[in-house]
Amino acid sequence: MPIYRLPRVPLFPSPEEADESGLLAVGGDLSVVRLLRAYRQGIFPWYDGTTPILWWSPDPRLVLELHDLHISRSLRKTLRKRTYTVTADTAFRDVLKGCAATRPGTQGEEGTWLTRDMQRAYLRLHYLGLAHSIETWRDGELAGGLYGVYLGRCFFGESMFARHADASKVALVALVKYLERQGRCLIDCQVTTPHLLSMGAREIPRKTFLARLNHLLSFPTSTSRWRFDDGLLGV
């Protein structure tokens, strides 16, 4: 199956044209217009800086239904002890740097290292109110977090990191709790990892994901900065 080289205009082939690995196209840029068009089509960039930009739409797709979140006994204990303080959209740049420093095999994270161009691209989305971060703090220091893009009622999870045990898991729990308050939402986990599977994520056919995505994108997209209250993580 051919891999498409993208033109200068921000257009993509159908996600159904992706190869068996999920690779759909190469090239293009990380402009706001192109990134948003990609996400709305169920496509995301994922590369390590040694190649052109690679665009993916895997089949199956890993997603987390909010009601499927699995909180282990040990994680529940961490939440009850209030080991971490959780905030949102207060340290987006630092979360990006934390994720960029993550390598495969660390805290279950299998993501690709974030290039400077990628970091700048997501910072632009953050300034527009379309990308959000969740931070976990311990003794005043950033302990972990995650970030992603939120359109309609779909959160496209990009990356997560942890410097202490359970720090990224607590961030994920906070994300789920927050989205539950917004109504029926879905978290797109994109790439399958044991870490996310252990938290309740599951694979669904790409066709099913794209149909769900089309519905979730019919809801208005808020560009407001996220704020968490003290009772968010009540368990």
Protein backbone atom coordinates (compact mmCIF):
# COMPACT_ATOMS: atom_id res chain seq x y z
CA MET A 1 0.00 0.00 0.00
CA PRO A 2 1.46 3.43 -0.95
CA ILE A 3 2.52 5.96 1.65
CA TYR A 4 1.42 9.44 0.64
CA ARG A 5 3.72 12.45 0.53
CA LEU A 6 1.73 15.45 1.64
CA PRO A 7 1.45 18.58 -0.50
CA ARG A 8 1.96 22.10 0.84
CA VAL A 9 -1.78 22.58 1.24
CA PRO A 10 -3.05 21.00 4.50
CA LEU A 11 -4.85 18.01 3.01
CA PHE A 12 -4.74 14.34 3.99
CA PRO A 13 -5.80 11.12 2.28
CA SER A 14 -8.49 9.02 3.91
CA PRO A 15 -7.32 7.29 7.12
CA GLU A 16 -8.47 4.03 5.51
CA GLU A 17 -5.47 4.36 3.17
CA ALA A 18 -2.97 3.78 6.00
CA ASP A 19 -0.72 0.73 5.76
CA GLU A 20 -0.83 -2.21 8.17
CA SER A 21 1.30 -0.37 10.74
CA GLY A 22 -1.02 2.65 10.64
CA LEU A 23 1.38 4.88 8.69
CA LEU A 24 -0.61 7.07 6.32
CA ALA A 25 1.57 9.90 5.01
CA VAL A 26 4.91 11.71 5.30
CA GLY A 27 5.92 15.34 5.06
CA GLY A 28 3.89 18.47 5.42
CA ASP A 29 4.28 20.73 8.43
CA LEU A 30 3.02 21.20 11.98
CA SER A 31 0.93 24.30 11.36
CA VAL A 32 -2.19 24.80 13.46
CA VAL A 33 -4.44 24.34 10.43
CA ARG A 34 -2.80 21.07 9.41
CA LEU A 35 -2.72 19.66 12.94
CA LEU A 36 -6.38 20.41 13.58
CA ARG A 37 -7.38 18.94 10.25
CA ALA A 38 -5.39 15.82 11.07
CA TYR A 39 -6.98 15.33 14.49
CA ARG A 40 -10.45 15.85 13.08
CA GLN A 41 -9.75 13.04 10.62
CA GLY A 42 -8.35 10.69 13.25
CA ILE A 43 -4.74 11.27 12.17
CA PHE A 44 -1.79 12.28 14.36
CA PRO A 45 1.95 13.02 13.92
CA TRP A 46 4.48 10.68 15.49
CA TYR A 47 8.18 10.69 14.64
CA ASP A 48 11.56 11.06 16.28
CA GLY A 49 13.25 13.88 14.39
CA THR A 50 15.46 11.61 12.27
CA THR A 51 12.75 11.26 9.61
CA PRO A 52 10.29 13.56 7.88
CA ILE A 53 7.05 14.14 9.78
CA LEU A 54 5.11 10.87 9.86
CA TRP A 55 1.30 10.83 10.07
CA TRP A 56 -0.57 7.84 11.51
CA SER A 57 -4.05 6.39 11.80
CA PRO A 58 -3.66 2.91 13.31
CA ASP A 59 -6.16 0.09 13.14
CA PRO A 60 -7.12 -0.92 15.77
CA ARG A 61 -7.15 2.31 17.77
CA LEU A 62 -6.52 2.46 21.51
CA VAL A 63 -9.15 4.43 23.42
CA LEU A 64 -10.17 4.90 27.03
CA GLU A 65 -13.87 5.08 27.80
CA LEU A 66 -14.23 7.15 30.95
CA HIS A 67 -16.29 4.48 32.71
CA ASP A 68 -13.60 1.87 31.95
CA LEU A 69 -10.88 3.61 33.94
CA HIS A 70 -9.19 1.06 36.19
CA ILE A 71 -7.85 2.36 39.49
CA SER A 72 -5.75 -0.29 41.19
CA ARG A 73 -5.73 -0.79 44.92
CA SER A 74 -2.28 0.75 45.25
CA LEU A 75 -3.23 3.75 43.10
CA ARG A 76 -6.39 4.28 45.12
CA LYS A 77 -4.22 4.32 48.23
CA THR A 78 -1.99 6.98 46.65
CA LEU A 79 -5.05 9.09 45.84
CA ARG A 80 -6.42 8.80 49.37
CA LYS A 81 -3.08 9.77 50.89
CA ARG A 82 -3.07 12.89 48.67
CA THR A 83 0.55 12.25 47.80
CA TYR A 84 0.24 14.60 44.84
CA THR A 85 -1.39 17.94 44.18
CA VAL A 86 -3.00 18.15 40.74
CA THR A 87 -3.38 21.22 38.52
CA ALA A 88 -4.26 21.89 34.90
CA ASP A 89 -2.81 24.31 32.35
CA THR A 90 -0.35 25.82 34.81
CA ALA A 91 2.92 24.34 33.46
CA PHE A 92 2.26 23.25 29.88
CA ARG A 93 5.79 23.98 28.68
CA ASP A 94 7.32 22.04 31.58
CA VAL A 95 5.06 19.06 30.90
CA LEU A 96 6.23 19.09 27.28
CA LYS A 97 9.84 19.05 28.45
CA GLY A 98 9.10 16.21 30.85
CA CYS A 99 7.52 14.17 28.08
CA ALA A 100 10.37 14.98 25.69
CA ALA A 101 12.87 13.57 28.19
CA THR A 102 10.93 10.30 28.42
CA ARG A 103 12.33 7.30 26.59
CA PRO A 104 10.56 4.03 25.67
CA GLY A 105 10.32 1.74 28.65
CA THR A 106 10.12 4.55 31.22
CA GLN A 107 6.94 4.38 33.30
CA GLY A 108 5.29 2.34 30.55
CA GLU A 109 5.56 5.23 28.10
CA GLU A 110 6.13 4.11 24.51
CA GLY A 111 5.78 7.51 22.85
CA THR A 112 8.21 9.18 20.51
CA TRP A 113 10.60 11.83 21.72
CA LEU A 114 9.20 15.34 21.18
CA THR A 115 11.32 17.43 18.83
CA ARG A 116 11.59 21.17 19.33
CA ASP A 117 9.30 21.68 16.34
CA MET A 118 6.70 19.43 17.96
CA GLN A 119 6.96 21.30 21.24
CA ARG A 120 6.50 24.64 19.50
CA ALA A 121 3.50 23.29 17.58
CA TYR A 122 1.69 22.12 20.71
CA LEU A 123 2.55 25.33 22.54
CA ARG A 124 0.75 27.19 19.74
CA LEU A 125 -2.30 24.97 20.25
CA HIS A 126 -2.10 25.58 23.99
CA TYR A 127 -2.05 29.35 23.52
CA LEU A 128 -5.20 28.96 21.41
CA GLY A 129 -6.88 27.01 24.22
CA LEU A 130 -6.94 23.76 22.23
CA ALA A 131 -4.16 21.82 24.00
CA HIS A 132 -4.14 21.21 27.73
CA SER A 133 -1.79 19.84 30.35
CA ILE A 134 -2.40 18.15 33.65
CA GLU A 135 0.36 18.41 36.22
CA THR A 136 1.03 16.43 39.38
CA TRP A 137 3.16 18.08 42.06
CA ARG A 138 5.03 16.68 45.03
CA ASP A 139 6.56 18.98 47.64
CA GLY A 140 6.27 21.88 45.20
CA GLU A 141 8.13 20.06 42.41
CA LEU A 142 6.64 18.79 39.14
CA ALA A 143 6.38 15.03 39.56
CA GLY A 144 4.59 14.05 36.38
CA GLY A 145 1.83 14.91 33.99
CA LEU A 146 0.28 14.54 30.58
CA TYR A 147 -0.90 16.70 27.72
CA GLY A 148 -3.15 16.45 24.71
CA VAL A 149 -5.55 18.19 22.34
CA TYR A 150 -9.24 18.62 23.22
CA LEU A 151 -11.72 19.12 20.38
CA GLY A 152 -15.47 18.77 20.80
CA ARG A 153 -15.68 16.03 23.39
CA CYS A 154 -12.61 14.02 22.39
CA PHE A 155 -9.30 14.33 24.22
CA PHE A 156 -6.42 13.24 22.00
CA GLY A 157 -3.79 12.11 24.49
CA GLU A 158 -0.29 12.85 23.25
CA SER A 159 2.19 11.91 25.94
CA MET A 160 2.70 11.46 29.67
CA PHE A 161 5.63 11.22 32.03
CA ALA A 162 6.40 10.47 35.67
CA ARG A 163 9.35 11.25 37.87
CA HIS A 164 7.82 9.49 40.87
CA ALA A 165 5.63 6.41 41.27
CA ASP A 166 2.00 6.87 40.18
CA ALA A 167 2.51 10.52 39.18
CA SER A 168 1.31 10.06 35.58
CA LYS A 169 -1.47 7.72 36.69
CA VAL A 170 -2.82 10.34 39.08
CA ALA A 171 -2.80 12.83 36.20
CA LEU A 172 -4.82 10.39 34.08
CA VAL A 173 -7.35 9.87 36.87
CA ALA A 174 -7.73 13.65 37.16
CA LEU A 175 -8.28 13.91 33.41
CA VAL A 176 -11.03 11.29 33.50
CA LYS A 177 -12.73 12.92 36.50
CA TYR A 178 -12.64 16.30 34.78
CA LEU A 179 -14.01 14.99 31.48
CA GLU A 180 -16.80 13.17 33.29
CA ARG A 181 -18.11 16.57 34.33
CA GLN A 182 -18.20 17.71 30.69
CA GLY A 183 -20.55 14.96 29.54
CA ARG A 184 -19.98 11.90 27.40
CA CYS A 185 -16.34 12.12 26.28
CA LEU A 186 -13.68 9.79 24.90
CA ILE A 187 -9.92 9.70 25.39
CA ASP A 188 -7.98 8.76 22.28
CA CYS A 189 -4.84 6.98 23.49
CA GLN A 190 -3.57 6.49 19.93
CA VAL A 191 -0.80 3.93 20.45
CA THR A 192 -1.24 0.73 22.46
CA THR A 193 1.00 0.37 25.53
CA PRO A 194 0.84 -2.00 28.53
CA HIS A 195 0.70 1.06 30.79
CA LEU A 196 -2.53 2.34 29.22
CA LEU A 197 -4.06 -1.12 28.93
CA SER A 198 -3.53 -1.55 32.67
CA MET A 199 -5.52 1.64 33.23
CA GLY A 200 -8.53 0.32 31.32
CA ALA A 201 -7.86 1.41 27.73
CA ARG A 202 -8.93 -0.99 24.99
CA GLU A 203 -8.53 -1.37 21.26
CA ILE A 204 -11.42 -0.74 18.87
CA PRO A 205 -11.58 -0.91 15.06
CA ARG A 206 -10.52 2.28 13.31
CA LYS A 207 -13.87 2.42 11.54
CA THR A 208 -15.65 2.43 14.91
CA PHE A 209 -13.30 5.09 16.27
CA LEU A 210 -13.83 7.37 13.26
CA ALA A 211 -17.60 7.09 13.61
CA ARG A 212 -17.37 7.96 17.32
CA LEU A 213 -15.02 10.82 16.55
CA ASN A 214 -17.39 12.28 13.99
CA HIS A 215 -20.11 12.41 16.64
CA LEU A 216 -17.85 13.81 19.39
CA LEU A 217 -16.66 16.59 17.10
CA SER A 218 -20.23 17.75 16.56
CA PHE A 219 -20.11 19.33 20.03
CA PRO A 220 -18.70 22.85 20.44
CA THR A 221 -14.99 23.16 21.22
CA SER A 222 -14.21 25.20 24.32
CA THR A 223 -11.01 27.24 24.36
CA SER A 224 -11.18 28.08 28.06
CA ARG A 225 -8.25 27.27 30.32
CA TRP A 226 -8.94 24.27 32.54
CA ARG A 227 -9.23 24.66 36.30
CA PHE A 228 -9.38 21.85 38.88
CA ASP A 229 -11.04 22.13 42.28
CA ASP A 230 -9.98 20.39 45.48
CA GLY A 231 -12.74 17.78 45.26
CA LEU A 232 -11.87 16.52 41.79
CA LEU A 233 -9.95 13.46 42.97
CA GLY A 234 -12.38 12.38 45.65
CA VAL A 235 -12.33 8.54 45.75
